[in-house]
Amino acid sequence: MPTILCLVLLFCVWLRYERKKAIKIDTEAREAFMQTEKKAQVAREKDISNLDYITVPLHTLPIQKGVDCSLDEYIDSLLTISNKPIVNLSNYTNTELKLAYGIANFDLLSEYDENYFSLIHTLTSYGCSLYETKRYEDAKNILEYAVSIGSDIKLTFLTLAKIYADTKEDARIVGLENHVKEVLPEKSETLVSQIEKIRYYQYFE
């Protein structure tokens, strides 16, 4: 009995220590964030003309209206978005964005990033719809462009993998897996596994 009691007491002491340590770490992290945010709120405006702006290559994408009226809404969206400033700023937190380019540019850059978000989602929806209507080459064109500008949407990659499987382009599936591992490490384990299943099933069709 004394041994059990001793173990319980030791566990309670350890648990109390771990809780205090976690609270201290959380407090320090919160204080560090607040200090950084305070600096961000007074960061000076920086030049944003040299950012990596995305220009949608309308002349190389399958966006001819009237080919399939059910898809015209995607084309309209792409044409509208392409006329706006588009920048992928997904690697920045809001605080980092303010520090890097100044508080005065924050709303503007948030808008540019939102345009990017709209672009990759429209491309993915359009590409998937093209695939469903069996326009594989056009779907591949759209989805490959989405990947080239940094799409991190799972459906972009899975639909593209299905197209490569349908057209027996095994090397391209492997290339897609390698791209995911390199560019999206946080999603790679699950996503690569799903792509490999698509690649595997093509041999049994």
N, C-alpha and C. Protein backbone atom coordinates (compact mmCIF):
# COMPACT_ATOMS: atom_id res chain seq x y z
N MET A 1 0.82 -1.22 0.00
CA MET A 1 0.00 0.00 0.00
C MET A 1 0.85 1.27 0.00
N PRO A 2 1.90 1.36 0.87
CA PRO A 2 2.75 2.55 0.85
C PRO A 2 3.41 2.79 -0.50
N THR A 3 3.77 1.69 -1.19
CA THR A 3 4.40 1.82 -2.51
C THR A 3 3.43 2.44 -3.50
N ILE A 4 2.20 1.99 -3.50
CA ILE A 4 1.18 2.52 -4.42
C ILE A 4 0.93 3.99 -4.11
N LEU A 5 0.85 4.32 -2.82
CA LEU A 5 0.62 5.70 -2.42
C LEU A 5 1.76 6.60 -2.87
N CYS A 6 2.96 6.09 -2.73
CA CYS A 6 4.15 6.83 -3.16
C CYS A 6 4.12 7.11 -4.66
N LEU A 7 3.73 6.08 -5.43
CA LEU A 7 3.65 6.23 -6.88
C LEU A 7 2.59 7.26 -7.27
N VAL A 8 1.46 7.23 -6.55
CA VAL A 8 0.39 8.19 -6.83
C VAL A 8 0.85 9.61 -6.54
N LEU A 9 1.55 9.77 -5.42
CA LEU A 9 2.07 11.09 -5.06
C LEU A 9 3.08 11.59 -6.08
N LEU A 10 3.96 10.69 -6.52
CA LEU A 10 4.95 11.06 -7.54
C LEU A 10 4.27 11.47 -8.85
N PHE A 11 3.21 10.71 -9.19
CA PHE A 11 2.47 11.04 -10.42
C PHE A 11 1.83 12.42 -10.31
N CYS A 12 1.26 12.71 -9.14
CA CYS A 12 0.62 14.01 -8.93
C CYS A 12 1.63 15.16 -9.01
N VAL A 13 2.82 14.94 -8.43
CA VAL A 13 3.88 15.95 -8.49
C VAL A 13 4.31 16.16 -9.92
N TRP A 14 4.48 15.06 -10.67
CA TRP A 14 4.90 15.15 -12.09
C TRP A 14 3.84 15.88 -12.92
N LEU A 15 2.56 15.52 -12.66
CA LEU A 15 1.47 16.13 -13.41
C LEU A 15 1.40 17.63 -13.15
N ARG A 16 1.58 18.02 -11.88
CA ARG A 16 1.56 19.44 -11.54
C ARG A 16 2.71 20.17 -12.22
N TYR A 17 3.89 19.54 -12.24
CA TYR A 17 5.06 20.14 -12.90
C TYR A 17 4.81 20.34 -14.39
N GLU A 18 4.25 19.32 -15.05
CA GLU A 18 3.99 19.39 -16.49
C GLU A 18 2.95 20.47 -16.81
N ARG A 19 1.95 20.59 -15.97
CA ARG A 19 0.92 21.63 -16.18
C ARG A 19 1.52 23.02 -16.05
N LYS A 20 2.35 23.22 -15.03
CA LYS A 20 3.00 24.53 -14.83
C LYS A 20 3.92 24.86 -15.99
N LYS A 21 4.62 23.83 -16.47
CA LYS A 21 5.54 24.04 -17.60
C LYS A 21 4.76 24.41 -18.86
N ALA A 22 3.63 23.72 -19.10
CA ALA A 22 2.81 24.00 -20.28
C ALA A 22 2.23 25.41 -20.21
N ILE A 23 1.79 25.82 -19.00
CA ILE A 23 1.25 27.18 -18.83
C ILE A 23 2.32 28.22 -19.09
N LYS A 24 3.54 27.95 -18.60
CA LYS A 24 4.65 28.89 -18.79
C LYS A 24 4.99 29.03 -20.28
N ILE A 25 5.06 27.89 -20.97
CA ILE A 25 5.37 27.91 -22.40
C ILE A 25 4.29 28.66 -23.18
N ASP A 26 3.03 28.38 -22.82
CA ASP A 26 1.91 29.03 -23.49
C ASP A 26 1.94 30.54 -23.25
N THR A 27 2.24 30.93 -22.03
CA THR A 27 2.31 32.36 -21.68
C THR A 27 3.44 33.05 -22.44
N GLU A 28 4.60 32.40 -22.49
CA GLU A 28 5.75 32.97 -23.18
C GLU A 28 5.47 33.10 -24.68
N ALA A 29 4.82 32.08 -25.24
CA ALA A 29 4.49 32.12 -26.67
C ALA A 29 3.50 33.25 -26.96
N ARG A 30 2.52 33.41 -26.07
CA ARG A 30 1.52 34.46 -26.25
C ARG A 30 2.16 35.84 -26.14
N GLU A 31 3.07 36.00 -25.17
CA GLU A 31 3.75 37.28 -24.99
C GLU A 31 4.65 37.60 -26.19
N ALA A 32 5.32 36.56 -26.71
CA ALA A 32 6.18 36.75 -27.89
C ALA A 32 5.34 37.17 -29.10
N PHE A 33 4.17 36.52 -29.25
CA PHE A 33 3.28 36.87 -30.35
C PHE A 33 2.80 38.31 -30.22
N MET A 34 2.43 38.72 -29.02
CA MET A 34 1.93 40.07 -28.82
C MET A 34 3.01 41.12 -29.12
N GLN A 35 4.24 40.80 -28.77
CA GLN A 35 5.34 41.72 -29.06
C GLN A 35 5.55 41.84 -30.57
N THR A 36 5.49 40.70 -31.26
CA THR A 36 5.65 40.70 -32.71
C THR A 36 4.51 41.43 -33.40
N GLU A 37 3.29 41.21 -32.90
CA GLU A 37 2.11 41.86 -33.48
C GLU A 37 2.17 43.37 -33.25
N LYS A 38 2.71 43.76 -32.11
CA LYS A 38 2.84 45.19 -31.82
C LYS A 38 3.78 45.86 -32.82
N LYS A 39 4.87 45.15 -33.15
CA LYS A 39 5.80 45.67 -34.16
C LYS A 39 5.14 45.71 -35.54
N ALA A 40 4.34 44.68 -35.81
CA ALA A 40 3.68 44.60 -37.11
C ALA A 40 2.70 45.75 -37.31
N GLN A 41 2.05 46.19 -36.23
CA GLN A 41 1.05 47.24 -36.32
C GLN A 41 1.64 48.60 -36.68
N VAL A 42 2.95 48.75 -36.51
CA VAL A 42 3.60 50.02 -36.84
C VAL A 42 4.65 49.86 -37.94
N ALA A 43 4.64 48.67 -38.59
CA ALA A 43 5.62 48.42 -39.66
C ALA A 43 5.40 49.38 -40.82
N ARG A 44 6.49 49.89 -41.36
CA ARG A 44 6.40 50.86 -42.45
C ARG A 44 6.02 50.20 -43.77
N GLU A 45 5.37 50.98 -44.60
CA GLU A 45 4.94 50.51 -45.93
C GLU A 45 6.15 50.18 -46.79
N LYS A 46 6.10 49.03 -47.44
CA LYS A 46 7.18 48.59 -48.35
C LYS A 46 6.67 48.52 -49.79
N ASP A 47 7.60 48.52 -50.71
CA ASP A 47 7.25 48.41 -52.13
C ASP A 47 6.71 47.01 -52.43
N ILE A 48 5.55 46.93 -53.05
CA ILE A 48 4.97 45.61 -53.38
C ILE A 48 4.90 45.39 -54.89
N SER A 49 5.56 46.25 -55.64
CA SER A 49 5.51 46.13 -57.10
C SER A 49 6.30 44.93 -57.62
N ASN A 50 7.23 44.44 -56.80
CA ASN A 50 8.08 43.33 -57.26
C ASN A 50 7.63 41.98 -56.73
N LEU A 51 6.43 41.91 -56.20
CA LEU A 51 5.90 40.63 -55.76
C LEU A 51 5.69 39.69 -56.95
N ASP A 52 5.57 38.41 -56.66
CA ASP A 52 5.41 37.42 -57.73
C ASP A 52 3.94 37.37 -58.16
N TYR A 53 3.54 38.37 -58.93
CA TYR A 53 2.15 38.44 -59.41
C TYR A 53 1.89 37.34 -60.44
N ILE A 54 0.71 36.79 -60.38
CA ILE A 54 0.32 35.72 -61.31
C ILE A 54 -0.48 36.31 -62.46
N THR A 55 -0.04 36.02 -63.68
CA THR A 55 -0.77 36.42 -64.88
C THR A 55 -1.37 35.16 -65.49
N VAL A 56 -2.66 35.06 -65.54
CA VAL A 56 -3.33 33.86 -66.05
C VAL A 56 -3.15 33.81 -67.57
N PRO A 57 -2.55 32.72 -68.10
CA PRO A 57 -2.30 32.62 -69.54
C PRO A 57 -3.57 32.21 -70.30
N LEU A 58 -4.46 33.17 -70.49
CA LEU A 58 -5.76 32.88 -71.09
C LEU A 58 -5.63 32.25 -72.48
N HIS A 59 -4.59 32.62 -73.22
CA HIS A 59 -4.45 32.13 -74.60
C HIS A 59 -4.07 30.65 -74.66
N THR A 60 -3.59 30.08 -73.55
CA THR A 60 -3.19 28.67 -73.57
C THR A 60 -4.17 27.75 -72.83
N LEU A 61 -5.16 28.33 -72.19
CA LEU A 61 -6.12 27.53 -71.43
C LEU A 61 -7.42 27.33 -72.22
N PRO A 62 -8.09 26.19 -72.03
CA PRO A 62 -9.35 25.91 -72.74
C PRO A 62 -10.51 26.67 -72.12
N ILE A 63 -10.68 27.91 -72.53
CA ILE A 63 -11.73 28.75 -71.94
C ILE A 63 -12.61 29.38 -73.02
N GLN A 64 -12.95 28.58 -74.03
CA GLN A 64 -13.83 29.08 -75.08
C GLN A 64 -15.29 28.90 -74.63
N LYS A 65 -16.00 30.00 -74.52
CA LYS A 65 -17.40 29.94 -74.11
C LYS A 65 -18.25 29.35 -75.23
N GLY A 66 -19.33 28.67 -74.83
CA GLY A 66 -20.27 28.13 -75.80
C GLY A 66 -20.00 26.69 -76.17
N VAL A 67 -18.83 26.16 -75.84
CA VAL A 67 -18.53 24.76 -76.13
C VAL A 67 -19.44 23.86 -75.29
N ASP A 68 -19.60 24.23 -74.03
CA ASP A 68 -20.52 23.55 -73.12
C ASP A 68 -21.07 24.61 -72.18
N CYS A 69 -22.32 24.98 -72.39
CA CYS A 69 -22.91 26.09 -71.63
C CYS A 69 -22.91 25.86 -70.12
N SER A 70 -22.92 24.58 -69.71
CA SER A 70 -22.93 24.28 -68.28
C SER A 70 -21.60 24.66 -67.62
N LEU A 71 -20.57 24.88 -68.43
CA LEU A 71 -19.25 25.21 -67.89
C LEU A 71 -18.91 26.70 -68.04
N ASP A 72 -19.80 27.44 -68.66
CA ASP A 72 -19.50 28.86 -68.93
C ASP A 72 -19.32 29.69 -67.66
N GLU A 73 -19.97 29.28 -66.58
CA GLU A 73 -19.83 30.04 -65.33
C GLU A 73 -18.39 30.00 -64.82
N TYR A 74 -17.71 28.87 -65.01
CA TYR A 74 -16.31 28.77 -64.60
C TYR A 74 -15.44 29.67 -65.46
N ILE A 75 -15.74 29.69 -66.74
CA ILE A 75 -14.97 30.54 -67.66
C ILE A 75 -15.17 32.00 -67.31
N ASP A 76 -16.40 32.38 -67.03
CA ASP A 76 -16.67 33.77 -66.62
C ASP A 76 -15.89 34.14 -65.37
N SER A 77 -15.85 33.23 -64.42
CA SER A 77 -15.11 33.47 -63.18
C SER A 77 -13.62 33.64 -63.45
N LEU A 78 -13.07 32.78 -64.30
CA LEU A 78 -11.64 32.86 -64.64
C LEU A 78 -11.31 34.17 -65.34
N LEU A 79 -12.19 34.59 -66.24
CA LEU A 79 -11.96 35.86 -66.95
C LEU A 79 -12.01 37.04 -65.99
N THR A 80 -12.93 36.98 -65.04
CA THR A 80 -13.04 38.06 -64.05
C THR A 80 -11.82 38.11 -63.15
N ILE A 81 -11.43 36.96 -62.63
CA ILE A 81 -10.28 36.89 -61.72
C ILE A 81 -8.99 37.30 -62.41
N SER A 82 -8.85 36.92 -63.68
CA SER A 82 -7.60 37.19 -64.40
C SER A 82 -7.32 38.68 -64.56
N ASN A 83 -8.35 39.50 -64.42
CA ASN A 83 -8.18 40.96 -64.53
C ASN A 83 -7.81 41.63 -63.21
N LYS A 84 -7.67 40.81 -62.16
CA LYS A 84 -7.34 41.35 -60.84
C LYS A 84 -5.89 41.01 -60.47
N PRO A 85 -5.29 41.77 -59.57
CA PRO A 85 -3.96 41.42 -59.08
C PRO A 85 -4.04 40.12 -58.27
N ILE A 86 -3.17 39.18 -58.58
CA ILE A 86 -3.20 37.87 -57.93
C ILE A 86 -1.81 37.54 -57.39
N VAL A 87 -1.74 37.25 -56.10
CA VAL A 87 -0.47 36.87 -55.49
C VAL A 87 -0.73 35.75 -54.48
N ASN A 88 0.10 34.72 -54.52
CA ASN A 88 0.00 33.64 -53.55
C ASN A 88 0.80 34.02 -52.30
N LEU A 89 0.08 34.36 -51.24
CA LEU A 89 0.72 34.75 -49.98
C LEU A 89 0.37 33.77 -48.86
N SER A 90 0.04 32.56 -49.23
CA SER A 90 -0.42 31.57 -48.25
C SER A 90 0.66 31.15 -47.27
N ASN A 91 1.93 31.42 -47.60
CA ASN A 91 3.01 31.05 -46.69
C ASN A 91 3.20 32.07 -45.56
N TYR A 92 2.49 33.18 -45.64
CA TYR A 92 2.59 34.22 -44.61
C TYR A 92 1.43 34.14 -43.64
N THR A 93 1.70 34.38 -42.37
CA THR A 93 0.63 34.66 -41.42
C THR A 93 0.29 36.14 -41.57
N ASN A 94 -0.83 36.56 -40.99
CA ASN A 94 -1.20 37.98 -41.06
C ASN A 94 -0.12 38.87 -40.46
N THR A 95 0.42 38.43 -39.33
CA THR A 95 1.47 39.22 -38.66
C THR A 95 2.72 39.32 -39.53
N GLU A 96 3.12 38.20 -40.13
CA GLU A 96 4.30 38.19 -41.00
C GLU A 96 4.10 39.09 -42.21
N LEU A 97 2.88 39.11 -42.72
CA LEU A 97 2.56 39.94 -43.89
C LEU A 97 2.70 41.43 -43.55
N LYS A 98 2.21 41.81 -42.38
CA LYS A 98 2.33 43.20 -41.94
C LYS A 98 3.79 43.60 -41.73
N LEU A 99 4.56 42.70 -41.12
CA LEU A 99 5.97 42.99 -40.87
C LEU A 99 6.75 43.11 -42.17
N ALA A 100 6.43 42.24 -43.13
CA ALA A 100 7.18 42.20 -44.38
C ALA A 100 6.88 43.39 -45.29
N TYR A 101 5.60 43.83 -45.34
CA TYR A 101 5.23 44.84 -46.32
C TYR A 101 4.54 46.07 -45.73
N GLY A 102 4.40 46.09 -44.44
CA GLY A 102 3.82 47.28 -43.80
C GLY A 102 2.33 47.16 -43.57
N ILE A 103 1.87 47.75 -42.48
CA ILE A 103 0.46 47.70 -42.13
C ILE A 103 -0.42 48.36 -43.19
N ALA A 104 0.11 49.38 -43.87
CA ALA A 104 -0.68 50.11 -44.88
C ALA A 104 -1.02 49.24 -46.08
N ASN A 105 -0.21 48.21 -46.33
CA ASN A 105 -0.45 47.32 -47.48
C ASN A 105 -1.25 46.08 -47.12
N PHE A 106 -1.57 45.92 -45.84
CA PHE A 106 -2.16 44.65 -45.41
C PHE A 106 -3.50 44.34 -46.10
N ASP A 107 -4.42 45.29 -46.10
CA ASP A 107 -5.74 45.04 -46.71
C ASP A 107 -5.61 44.74 -48.20
N LEU A 108 -4.72 45.48 -48.86
CA LEU A 108 -4.53 45.29 -50.30
C LEU A 108 -3.96 43.90 -50.59
N LEU A 109 -2.95 43.50 -49.82
CA LEU A 109 -2.33 42.20 -50.04
C LEU A 109 -3.28 41.06 -49.66
N SER A 110 -4.11 41.29 -48.67
CA SER A 110 -5.12 40.28 -48.30
C SER A 110 -6.08 40.06 -49.47
N GLU A 111 -6.41 41.14 -50.15
CA GLU A 111 -7.29 41.06 -51.33
C GLU A 111 -6.61 40.28 -52.46
N TYR A 112 -5.31 40.56 -52.67
CA TYR A 112 -4.56 39.85 -53.72
C TYR A 112 -4.49 38.35 -53.42
N ASP A 113 -4.31 38.03 -52.14
CA ASP A 113 -4.24 36.62 -51.73
C ASP A 113 -5.61 35.96 -51.88
N GLU A 114 -6.67 36.70 -51.59
CA GLU A 114 -8.03 36.18 -51.76
C GLU A 114 -8.31 35.90 -53.24
N ASN A 115 -7.77 36.75 -54.11
CA ASN A 115 -7.91 36.52 -55.55
C ASN A 115 -7.22 35.22 -55.95
N TYR A 116 -6.07 34.95 -55.34
CA TYR A 116 -5.35 33.70 -55.62
C TYR A 116 -6.19 32.51 -55.15
N PHE A 117 -6.74 32.62 -53.95
CA PHE A 117 -7.59 31.56 -53.41
C PHE A 117 -8.77 31.28 -54.35
N SER A 118 -9.39 32.32 -54.84
CA SER A 118 -10.51 32.16 -55.77
C SER A 118 -10.06 31.52 -57.08
N LEU A 119 -8.87 31.89 -57.52
CA LEU A 119 -8.34 31.35 -58.78
C LEU A 119 -8.14 29.84 -58.70
N ILE A 120 -7.42 29.37 -57.67
CA ILE A 120 -7.13 27.94 -57.62
C ILE A 120 -8.40 27.11 -57.37
N HIS A 121 -9.36 27.67 -56.65
CA HIS A 121 -10.60 26.94 -56.43
C HIS A 121 -11.44 26.89 -57.71
N THR A 122 -11.45 27.98 -58.46
CA THR A 122 -12.18 27.99 -59.74
C THR A 122 -11.53 27.04 -60.73
N LEU A 123 -10.21 27.04 -60.80
CA LEU A 123 -9.48 26.13 -61.70
C LEU A 123 -9.78 24.68 -61.35
N THR A 124 -9.78 24.38 -60.06
CA THR A 124 -10.03 23.00 -59.63
C THR A 124 -11.47 22.58 -59.96
N SER A 125 -12.43 23.44 -59.68
CA SER A 125 -13.83 23.12 -59.99
C SER A 125 -14.04 22.95 -61.48
N TYR A 126 -13.44 23.82 -62.25
CA TYR A 126 -13.56 23.76 -63.70
C TYR A 126 -12.88 22.50 -64.25
N GLY A 127 -11.67 22.22 -63.75
CA GLY A 127 -10.95 21.03 -64.20
C GLY A 127 -11.70 19.75 -63.89
N CYS A 128 -12.28 19.67 -62.70
CA CYS A 128 -13.04 18.48 -62.32
C CYS A 128 -14.30 18.33 -63.18
N SER A 129 -14.94 19.45 -63.49
CA SER A 129 -16.13 19.40 -64.34
C SER A 129 -15.77 18.97 -65.76
N LEU A 130 -14.64 19.44 -66.25
CA LEU A 130 -14.16 19.00 -67.57
C LEU A 130 -13.89 17.50 -67.57
N TYR A 131 -13.31 17.01 -66.48
CA TYR A 131 -13.03 15.58 -66.37
C TYR A 131 -14.32 14.76 -66.38
N GLU A 132 -15.32 15.25 -65.66
CA GLU A 132 -16.60 14.54 -65.59
C GLU A 132 -17.30 14.48 -66.95
N THR A 133 -17.04 15.47 -67.81
CA THR A 133 -17.63 15.47 -69.15
C THR A 133 -16.70 14.81 -70.17
N LYS A 134 -15.66 14.13 -69.64
CA LYS A 134 -14.71 13.35 -70.45
C LYS A 134 -13.84 14.20 -71.38
N ARG A 135 -13.70 15.47 -71.07
CA ARG A 135 -12.77 16.32 -71.82
C ARG A 135 -11.42 16.26 -71.10
N TYR A 136 -10.79 15.10 -71.21
CA TYR A 136 -9.59 14.81 -70.41
C TYR A 136 -8.42 15.74 -70.70
N GLU A 137 -8.18 16.03 -71.96
CA GLU A 137 -7.04 16.88 -72.31
C GLU A 137 -7.22 18.30 -71.77
N ASP A 138 -8.43 18.80 -71.90
CA ASP A 138 -8.71 20.14 -71.38
C ASP A 138 -8.63 20.16 -69.84
N ALA A 139 -9.15 19.11 -69.22
CA ALA A 139 -9.09 19.02 -67.76
C ALA A 139 -7.64 18.97 -67.29
N LYS A 140 -6.83 18.19 -68.01
CA LYS A 140 -5.41 18.08 -67.66
C LYS A 140 -4.72 19.43 -67.78
N ASN A 141 -5.03 20.15 -68.81
CA ASN A 141 -4.45 21.48 -69.04
C ASN A 141 -4.75 22.42 -67.88
N ILE A 142 -6.01 22.45 -67.47
CA ILE A 142 -6.44 23.35 -66.39
C ILE A 142 -5.82 22.95 -65.05
N LEU A 143 -5.85 21.66 -64.74
CA LEU A 143 -5.37 21.20 -63.44
C LEU A 143 -3.84 21.27 -63.35
N GLU A 144 -3.17 21.01 -64.44
CA GLU A 144 -1.71 21.16 -64.41
C GLU A 144 -1.31 22.61 -64.20
N TYR A 145 -2.08 23.52 -64.74
CA TYR A 145 -1.80 24.93 -64.50
C TYR A 145 -2.03 25.26 -63.03
N ALA A 146 -3.10 24.72 -62.44
CA ALA A 146 -3.38 24.96 -61.02
C ALA A 146 -2.22 24.47 -60.15
N VAL A 147 -1.69 23.30 -60.48
CA VAL A 147 -0.55 22.76 -59.74
C VAL A 147 0.68 23.66 -59.92
N SER A 148 0.88 24.15 -61.13
CA SER A 148 2.07 24.97 -61.43
C SER A 148 2.10 26.28 -60.66
N ILE A 149 0.92 26.78 -60.25
CA ILE A 149 0.90 28.05 -59.51
C ILE A 149 0.69 27.81 -58.00
N GLY A 150 0.87 26.55 -57.59
CA GLY A 150 0.91 26.28 -56.16
C GLY A 150 -0.35 25.80 -55.49
N SER A 151 -1.31 25.28 -56.26
CA SER A 151 -2.54 24.79 -55.63
C SER A 151 -2.21 23.74 -54.57
N ASP A 152 -2.88 23.84 -53.43
CA ASP A 152 -2.72 22.83 -52.38
C ASP A 152 -4.03 22.10 -52.12
N ILE A 153 -4.94 22.18 -53.10
CA ILE A 153 -6.25 21.55 -52.97
C ILE A 153 -6.15 20.07 -53.33
N LYS A 154 -6.57 19.23 -52.43
CA LYS A 154 -6.44 17.78 -52.62
C LYS A 154 -7.10 17.32 -53.92
N LEU A 155 -8.28 17.85 -54.22
CA LEU A 155 -9.02 17.42 -55.41
C LEU A 155 -8.27 17.75 -56.70
N THR A 156 -7.47 18.80 -56.69
CA THR A 156 -6.66 19.13 -57.87
C THR A 156 -5.77 17.94 -58.21
N PHE A 157 -5.08 17.42 -57.21
CA PHE A 157 -4.11 16.34 -57.42
C PHE A 157 -4.78 15.00 -57.69
N LEU A 158 -5.85 14.71 -56.99
CA LEU A 158 -6.51 13.42 -57.17
C LEU A 158 -7.15 13.31 -58.55
N THR A 159 -7.77 14.40 -59.01
CA THR A 159 -8.39 14.36 -60.35
C THR A 159 -7.32 14.28 -61.42
N LEU A 160 -6.23 15.00 -61.24
CA LEU A 160 -5.13 14.94 -62.20
C LEU A 160 -4.52 13.53 -62.23
N ALA A 161 -4.41 12.90 -61.07
CA ALA A 161 -3.90 11.52 -61.01
C ALA A 161 -4.83 10.57 -61.77
N LYS A 162 -6.14 10.79 -61.65
CA LYS A 162 -7.11 9.94 -62.38
C LYS A 162 -6.94 10.11 -63.89
N ILE A 163 -6.70 11.34 -64.32
CA ILE A 163 -6.51 11.59 -65.75
C ILE A 163 -5.25 10.86 -66.24
N TYR A 164 -4.16 10.97 -65.46
CA TYR A 164 -2.92 10.29 -65.84
C TYR A 164 -3.11 8.77 -65.86
N ALA A 165 -3.93 8.27 -64.91
CA ALA A 165 -4.20 6.83 -64.87
C ALA A 165 -5.02 6.41 -66.08
N ASP A 166 -6.02 7.23 -66.43
CA ASP A 166 -6.88 6.92 -67.58
C ASP A 166 -6.09 6.89 -68.88
N THR A 167 -5.09 7.77 -68.97
CA THR A 167 -4.29 7.86 -70.20
C THR A 167 -2.97 7.09 -70.11
N LYS A 168 -2.86 6.25 -69.03
CA LYS A 168 -1.69 5.38 -68.84
C LYS A 168 -0.37 6.14 -68.79
N GLU A 169 -0.39 7.31 -68.14
CA GLU A 169 0.83 8.12 -68.01
C GLU A 169 1.42 7.90 -66.61
N ASP A 170 1.98 6.72 -66.41
CA ASP A 170 2.48 6.33 -65.10
C ASP A 170 3.58 7.26 -64.60
N ALA A 171 4.47 7.68 -65.48
CA ALA A 171 5.57 8.55 -65.08
C ALA A 171 5.06 9.88 -64.53
N ARG A 172 3.98 10.36 -65.10
CA ARG A 172 3.41 11.62 -64.63
C ARG A 172 2.78 11.46 -63.24
N ILE A 173 2.22 10.30 -62.96
CA ILE A 173 1.67 10.06 -61.63
C ILE A 173 2.80 10.08 -60.59
N VAL A 174 3.90 9.43 -60.94
CA VAL A 174 5.07 9.41 -60.05
C VAL A 174 5.57 10.85 -59.84
N GLY A 175 5.61 11.63 -60.91
CA GLY A 175 6.04 13.02 -60.82
C GLY A 175 5.11 13.82 -59.92
N LEU A 176 3.82 13.52 -59.98
CA LEU A 176 2.84 14.20 -59.15
C LEU A 176 3.07 13.86 -57.67
N GLU A 177 3.36 12.60 -57.40
CA GLU A 177 3.65 12.18 -56.03
C GLU A 177 4.88 12.90 -55.49
N ASN A 178 5.93 12.99 -56.30
CA ASN A 178 7.16 13.66 -55.88
C ASN A 178 6.92 15.15 -55.63
N HIS A 179 6.07 15.74 -56.47
CA HIS A 179 5.73 17.16 -56.29
C HIS A 179 5.03 17.38 -54.95
N VAL A 180 4.10 16.51 -54.62
CA VAL A 180 3.36 16.62 -53.35
C VAL A 180 4.33 16.50 -52.18
N LYS A 181 5.25 15.53 -52.24
CA LYS A 181 6.21 15.33 -51.15
C LYS A 181 7.10 16.56 -50.96
N GLU A 182 7.45 17.20 -52.07
CA GLU A 182 8.35 18.35 -52.01
C GLU A 182 7.65 19.63 -51.59
N VAL A 183 6.48 19.87 -52.16
CA VAL A 183 5.80 21.16 -51.97
C VAL A 183 4.78 21.15 -50.83
N LEU A 184 4.18 20.00 -50.57
CA LEU A 184 3.14 19.91 -49.52
C LEU A 184 3.48 18.82 -48.50
N PRO A 185 4.61 18.96 -47.83
CA PRO A 185 5.03 17.90 -46.90
C PRO A 185 4.01 17.60 -45.80
N GLU A 186 3.26 18.63 -45.36
CA GLU A 186 2.30 18.42 -44.28
C GLU A 186 1.11 17.58 -44.73
N LYS A 187 0.88 17.50 -46.05
CA LYS A 187 -0.25 16.73 -46.58
C LYS A 187 0.21 15.47 -47.31
N SER A 188 1.52 15.31 -47.44
CA SER A 188 2.05 14.32 -48.37
C SER A 188 1.70 12.87 -48.02
N GLU A 189 1.73 12.50 -46.74
CA GLU A 189 1.51 11.10 -46.38
C GLU A 189 0.14 10.61 -46.84
N THR A 190 -0.90 11.33 -46.50
CA THR A 190 -2.26 10.93 -46.87
C THR A 190 -2.49 11.08 -48.37
N LEU A 191 -2.06 12.21 -48.94
CA LEU A 191 -2.34 12.49 -50.34
C LEU A 191 -1.58 11.55 -51.26
N VAL A 192 -0.31 11.30 -50.96
CA VAL A 192 0.48 10.38 -51.79
C VAL A 192 -0.12 8.98 -51.73
N SER A 193 -0.59 8.59 -50.57
CA SER A 193 -1.23 7.27 -50.42
C SER A 193 -2.46 7.16 -51.32
N GLN A 194 -3.25 8.23 -51.39
CA GLN A 194 -4.44 8.23 -52.24
C GLN A 194 -4.07 8.21 -53.71
N ILE A 195 -3.02 8.93 -54.07
CA ILE A 195 -2.56 8.94 -55.47
C ILE A 195 -2.03 7.56 -55.85
N GLU A 196 -1.32 6.92 -54.93
CA GLU A 196 -0.77 5.59 -55.21
C GLU A 196 -1.88 4.57 -55.43
N LYS A 197 -2.99 4.73 -54.72
CA LYS A 197 -4.13 3.82 -54.92
C LYS A 197 -4.69 3.99 -56.33
N ILE A 198 -4.79 5.24 -56.78
CA ILE A 198 -5.27 5.50 -58.14
C ILE A 198 -4.31 4.88 -59.15
N ARG A 199 -3.03 5.04 -58.92
CA ARG A 199 -1.99 4.47 -59.79
C ARG A 199 -2.07 2.95 -59.79
N TYR A 200 -2.30 2.35 -58.63
CA TYR A 200 -2.35 0.91 -58.50
C TYR A 200 -3.55 0.31 -59.25
N TYR A 201 -4.70 0.98 -59.10
CA TYR A 201 -5.93 0.44 -59.69
C TYR A 201 -5.92 0.47 -61.22
N GLN A 202 -5.08 1.34 -61.81
CA GLN A 202 -5.08 1.43 -63.27
C GLN A 202 -4.62 0.12 -63.90
N TYR A 203 -3.84 -0.68 -63.17
CA TYR A 203 -3.32 -1.93 -63.72
C TYR A 203 -4.35 -3.05 -63.69
N PHE A 204 -5.49 -2.81 -63.07
CA PHE A 204 -6.50 -3.86 -62.95
C PHE A 204 -7.77 -3.50 -63.71
N GLU A 205 -7.65 -2.49 -64.56
CA GLU A 205 -8.82 -2.10 -65.36
C GLU A 205 -8.76 -2.75 -66.73
